Amino acid sequence: MKLARTRSTAAAATAVLAVLALATACNRGSTATAASGGGDKPAIGIDLPRSDSDFWNSYAEYLKKDIKSDGVNALPLSNSQNDVTKLVSNVQVFQNTGAKAVVMAPQDTGAIASTLDTLSAAKIPVVSVDTRPDKGDVYMVVRADNKAYGTKACEYLGEQLGGKGKIAELQGALDSINGRDRSEAFAECMKEKFPKIKVFELPTDWKGDVASAKLQSLLAQHPDLNGIYMQAGGVFLQPTLALLEQKSLLKKAGEKGHITIISNDGIPQEFDAIRKGQIDATISQPADLYAKYALYYAEAAAEGKTFKPGKTDHDSTIVKIDNGLEDQLPAPLVTKDNVDDKSLWGNNVG
């Protein structure tokens, strides 16, 4: 059930002024993209986490499309560029200019707690996308099960390698819940199911250049590496493929010397790499659904709606977490067998 809201002429005028103020107040990382047709709907502040990842750029495009098509009353989007200080600043602007709910995707899930406390005190609900803040109240986390990412990647690589070999794991930032979840689940699965596989954990802070440098050093020491797990194809795919090609190690699937590679994200570039035999699989992180349900829950929060744990009508499950609720969206494994499936967002973006 949706709760209708009406505003006085004065309030509407204030909201317009707020939007204009925000357009000039956001920091350099902001992008002035506002909704059209928002009418008397509550204003939503939305911060994009970064623009150096194909996955997050796709998420941004879906957001802009959904804002327009659904008539969401979005304040101009900001972009914190993987900088928590910018995120805090952007959120302060949202708060000062009339946001009734905030959508964010904090990359440092520990450092955002005080900002969440501030928003909670101001009765401004927060929807966190893809990342689950370690502390601080959230109305809803829109996220896939990241432990499942690590487990699926482990099982796929373990089976493809016949339970033995050497794997490089390009980990995300371990101060991020996603990096921790994927890494811990991958390690636990490997230890339990494939103890004869040696895993080299390479923390990267979600940076492609760091991943490439560490992988290059590892290959010098272990030229017989036969598996790679990339926790984020959006930042790791191109530097990894470039390095392997430089080293004459980019063999197609089925060829002698092929390094089995699985990734996380589900971007079009990964699908192309699967079709070419450069990588073997990815786990499709639903950028389209992240955008859709981030806006859905933000509007619901601003209108005072509440949700309970349990199955949803969009093939997901809402679970209770320590600091709120989390809607765990589906994230399918993609291989050469289903890479052309039109239901995958990576085949529809752009």
Foldseek 3Di string as FASTA:
>chain_A
DFFDDDDDPVVVVLLVVLLVVLVPQADPQFAFQFEPQLPRFFEEAEEQEADLFLLSVLLVVLLSVCSHVVVHGYRGYGYQHLPVVSVLSSVVSCVVRGHQEYEEAHQQLAPCAVVLVVCVVVNHAYEYEQFDRPHHAHAEYEHAQLLVQLLVQLVVVCVVVVLAFEEEEAAAACSTPNSVSNVVSNVVNCVPPRVRYHYDYQYDNLAQVSSLVVVVVVCVVPVRHAEYEAAGCRHHVPSVLVSCVVVVQQDAPPDPNHREYEYEAQALVVLVCQVRRRYFKYWHTQSNVSSVVSSVVSSCSSRPHHDDFADDPQGWTWDDDPRYIYTHDHIHMDGPVCSCPPVRVNNVGD
